[in-house]
């Protein structure tokens, strides 16, 4: 991580953080700084989203099941689009009206899972 990177922007650091109840929605600048640490994730429409590609249905389902376990432990659940060889993962916090640090933390955990 470069010296100029804001604290908590590295994927491993984000993934190690805890989800907090009532997390506030991130500002556009905060979201951009965190999203820069998450390769391939996009921010649009109040969601943090990425499509993950797989070789087949079995790999897709294994990923979805592992992701479900991670989400359940964090008590923070994404919207999923499950397809034959891909899975679209979208995080948002409905109560906050957009993306919170909890969404970024969970996205980092999913990123580490996929890696």
C-alpha atoms as a PDB file:
ATOM      1  CA  UNK A   1       0.000   0.000   0.000  1.00  0.00           C
ATOM      2  CA  UNK A   2       1.378   3.413  -0.873  1.00  0.00           C
ATOM      3  CA  UNK A   3       2.053   6.008   1.783  1.00  0.00           C
ATOM      4  CA  UNK A   4      -0.631   8.252   0.255  1.00  0.00           C
ATOM      5  CA  UNK A   5      -3.420   5.695   0.664  1.00  0.00           C
ATOM      6  CA  UNK A   6      -6.004   6.610   3.284  1.00  0.00           C
ATOM      7  CA  UNK A   7      -6.174   4.326   6.340  1.00  0.00           C
ATOM      8  CA  UNK A   8      -8.308   1.232   5.835  1.00  0.00           C
ATOM      9  CA  UNK A   9      -8.178   1.214   2.036  1.00  0.00           C
ATOM     10  CA  UNK A  10      -6.163  -1.951   1.607  1.00  0.00           C
ATOM     11  CA  UNK A  11      -8.351  -5.027   0.996  1.00  0.00           C
ATOM     12  CA  UNK A  12      -6.890  -7.016   3.912  1.00  0.00           C
ATOM     13  CA  UNK A  13      -7.346  -4.066   6.292  1.00  0.00           C
ATOM     14  CA  UNK A  14     -10.919  -3.543   5.144  1.00  0.00           C
ATOM     15  CA  UNK A  15     -11.742  -7.249   5.413  1.00  0.00           C
ATOM     16  CA  UNK A  16     -10.425  -7.321   8.994  1.00  0.00           C
ATOM     17  CA  UNK A  17     -12.763  -4.526  10.111  1.00  0.00           C
ATOM     18  CA  UNK A  18     -16.029  -5.272  11.905  1.00  0.00           C
ATOM     19  CA  UNK A  19     -19.458  -4.350  10.642  1.00  0.00           C
ATOM     20  CA  UNK A  20     -21.215  -1.871  12.920  1.00  0.00           C
ATOM     21  CA  UNK A  21     -24.933  -1.374  13.411  1.00  0.00           C
ATOM     22  CA  UNK A  22     -26.319   1.951  12.202  1.00  0.00           C
ATOM     23  CA  UNK A  23     -23.280   2.715  10.033  1.00  0.00           C
ATOM     24  CA  UNK A  24     -23.802   6.015   8.198  1.00  0.00           C
ATOM     25  CA  UNK A  25     -23.812   6.299   4.424  1.00  0.00           C
ATOM     26  CA  UNK A  26     -20.357   7.108   3.045  1.00  0.00           C
ATOM     27  CA  UNK A  27     -19.734  10.423   1.339  1.00  0.00           C
ATOM     28  CA  UNK A  28     -18.844  10.318  -2.357  1.00  0.00           C
ATOM     29  CA  UNK A  29     -15.168  10.987  -1.494  1.00  0.00           C
ATOM     30  CA  UNK A  30     -15.074   8.253   1.172  1.00  0.00           C
ATOM     31  CA  UNK A  31     -16.733   5.779  -1.165  1.00  0.00           C
ATOM     32  CA  UNK A  32     -14.321   6.595  -4.004  1.00  0.00           C
ATOM     33  CA  UNK A  33     -11.311   6.159  -1.703  1.00  0.00           C
ATOM     34  CA  UNK A  34     -12.508   2.779  -0.451  1.00  0.00           C
ATOM     35  CA  UNK A  35     -13.681   1.554  -3.870  1.00  0.00           C
ATOM     36  CA  UNK A  36     -10.198   2.272  -5.265  1.00  0.00           C
ATOM     37  CA  UNK A  37      -8.912  -0.536  -3.031  1.00  0.00           C
ATOM     38  CA  UNK A  38     -11.456  -3.016  -4.424  1.00  0.00           C
ATOM     39  CA  UNK A  39     -10.440  -4.100  -7.934  1.00  0.00           C
ATOM     40  CA  UNK A  40     -13.322  -4.395 -10.373  1.00  0.00           C
ATOM     41  CA  UNK A  41     -15.998  -3.071  -8.018  1.00  0.00           C
ATOM     42  CA  UNK A  42     -18.169  -0.219  -9.277  1.00  0.00           C
ATOM     43  CA  UNK A  43     -20.294   2.307  -7.458  1.00  0.00           C
ATOM     44  CA  UNK A  44     -23.574   3.274  -9.087  1.00  0.00           C
ATOM     45  CA  UNK A  45     -27.153   3.730  -8.038  1.00  0.00           C
ATOM     46  CA  UNK A  46     -26.312   3.600  -4.338  1.00  0.00           C
ATOM     47  CA  UNK A  47     -24.702   0.154  -4.667  1.00  0.00           C
ATOM     48  CA  UNK A  48     -21.222  -1.321  -4.596  1.00  0.00           C
ATOM     49  CA  UNK A  49     -21.236  -4.059  -7.241  1.00  0.00           C
ATOM     50  CA  UNK A  50     -19.033  -6.599  -9.014  1.00  0.00           C
ATOM     51  CA  UNK A  51     -19.543  -9.558 -11.337  1.00  0.00           C
ATOM     52  CA  UNK A  52     -17.448 -12.636 -10.563  1.00  0.00           C
ATOM     53  CA  UNK A  53     -16.748 -15.152 -13.350  1.00  0.00           C
ATOM     54  CA  UNK A  54     -16.426 -18.928 -12.962  1.00  0.00           C
ATOM     55  CA  UNK A  55     -15.784 -21.924 -15.192  1.00  0.00           C
ATOM     56  CA  UNK A  56     -19.063 -23.695 -14.430  1.00  0.00           C
ATOM     57  CA  UNK A  57     -22.195 -23.953 -12.301  1.00  0.00           C
ATOM     58  CA  UNK A  58     -20.500 -25.932  -9.518  1.00  0.00           C
ATOM     59  CA  UNK A  59     -17.838 -23.250  -8.991  1.00  0.00           C
ATOM     60  CA  UNK A  60     -20.499 -20.534  -9.010  1.00  0.00           C
ATOM     61  CA  UNK A  61     -22.551 -22.336  -6.365  1.00  0.00           C
ATOM     62  CA  UNK A  62     -19.506 -23.040  -4.197  1.00  0.00           C
ATOM     63  CA  UNK A  63     -18.708 -19.311  -4.276  1.00  0.00           C
ATOM     64  CA  UNK A  64     -22.320 -18.368  -3.462  1.00  0.00           C
ATOM     65  CA  UNK A  65     -22.431 -20.784  -0.521  1.00  0.00           C
ATOM     66  CA  UNK A  66     -19.140 -19.491   0.898  1.00  0.00           C
ATOM     67  CA  UNK A  67     -20.307 -15.903   0.383  1.00  0.00           C
ATOM     68  CA  UNK A  68     -23.576 -16.697   2.182  1.00  0.00           C
ATOM     69  CA  UNK A  69     -21.620 -17.965   5.191  1.00  0.00           C
ATOM     70  CA  UNK A  70     -19.514 -14.771   5.271  1.00  0.00           C
ATOM     71  CA  UNK A  71     -22.620 -12.579   4.956  1.00  0.00           C
ATOM     72  CA  UNK A  72     -24.461 -14.441   7.696  1.00  0.00           C
ATOM     73  CA  UNK A  73     -21.535 -14.100  10.108  1.00  0.00           C
ATOM     74  CA  UNK A  74     -21.401 -10.355   9.446  1.00  0.00           C
ATOM     75  CA  UNK A  75     -25.219 -10.086   9.534  1.00  0.00           C
ATOM     76  CA  UNK A  76     -24.893  -8.042   6.354  1.00  0.00           C
ATOM     77  CA  UNK A  77     -26.333  -9.589   3.218  1.00  0.00           C
ATOM     78  CA  UNK A  78     -25.794  -8.623  -0.429  1.00  0.00           C
ATOM     79  CA  UNK A  79     -28.165  -8.843  -3.345  1.00  0.00           C
ATOM     80  CA  UNK A  80     -27.033 -11.691  -5.597  1.00  0.00           C
ATOM     81  CA  UNK A  81     -27.608 -12.484  -9.247  1.00  0.00           C
ATOM     82  CA  UNK A  82     -26.636 -16.141  -9.648  1.00  0.00           C
ATOM     83  CA  UNK A  83     -26.041 -17.404 -13.194  1.00  0.00           C
ATOM     84  CA  UNK A  84     -24.418 -20.474 -14.748  1.00  0.00           C
ATOM     85  CA  UNK A  85     -20.820 -19.185 -14.757  1.00  0.00           C
ATOM     86  CA  UNK A  86     -21.052 -15.854 -12.969  1.00  0.00           C
ATOM     87  CA  UNK A  87     -22.413 -14.196  -9.874  1.00  0.00           C
ATOM     88  CA  UNK A  88     -23.300 -10.522  -9.549  1.00  0.00           C
ATOM     89  CA  UNK A  89     -22.795  -9.262  -5.986  1.00  0.00           C
ATOM     90  CA  UNK A  90     -24.270  -5.919  -4.912  1.00  0.00           C
ATOM     91  CA  UNK A  91     -23.930  -4.387  -1.469  1.00  0.00           C
ATOM     92  CA  UNK A  92     -26.001  -1.504  -0.159  1.00  0.00           C
ATOM     93  CA  UNK A  93     -27.421  -0.592   3.232  1.00  0.00           C
ATOM     94  CA  UNK A  94     -31.101   0.134   2.747  1.00  0.00           C
ATOM     95  CA  UNK A  95     -31.502   1.780   6.175  1.00  0.00           C
ATOM     96  CA  UNK A  96     -28.705   4.256   5.360  1.00  0.00           C
ATOM     97  CA  UNK A  97     -29.926   4.907   1.832  1.00  0.00           C
ATOM     98  CA  UNK A  98     -26.692   3.885   0.127  1.00  0.00           C
ATOM     99  CA  UNK A  99     -23.249   2.407   0.660  1.00  0.00           C
ATOM    100  CA  UNK A 100     -21.796   2.298   4.179  1.00  0.00           C
ATOM    101  CA  UNK A 101     -18.483   1.111   5.537  1.00  0.00           C
ATOM    102  CA  UNK A 102     -20.225  -2.210   6.300  1.00  0.00           C
ATOM    103  CA  UNK A 103     -20.772  -2.692   2.564  1.00  0.00           C
ATOM    104  CA  UNK A 104     -17.118  -1.937   1.827  1.00  0.00           C
ATOM    105  CA  UNK A 105     -15.946  -4.336   4.559  1.00  0.00           C
ATOM    106  CA  UNK A 106     -18.131  -7.135   3.205  1.00  0.00           C
ATOM    107  CA  UNK A 107     -17.055  -6.427  -0.384  1.00  0.00           C
ATOM    108  CA  UNK A 108     -13.425  -6.744   0.744  1.00  0.00           C
ATOM    109  CA  UNK A 109     -14.233 -10.096   2.369  1.00  0.00           C
ATOM    110  CA  UNK A 110     -15.865 -11.306  -0.852  1.00  0.00           C
ATOM    111  CA  UNK A 111     -12.845 -10.086  -2.808  1.00  0.00           C
ATOM    112  CA  UNK A 112     -10.547 -12.127  -0.576  1.00  0.00           C
ATOM    113  CA  UNK A 113     -12.826 -15.155  -0.945  1.00  0.00           C
ATOM    114  CA  UNK A 114     -12.624 -14.946  -4.727  1.00  0.00           C
ATOM    115  CA  UNK A 115      -8.852 -14.470  -4.707  1.00  0.00           C
END
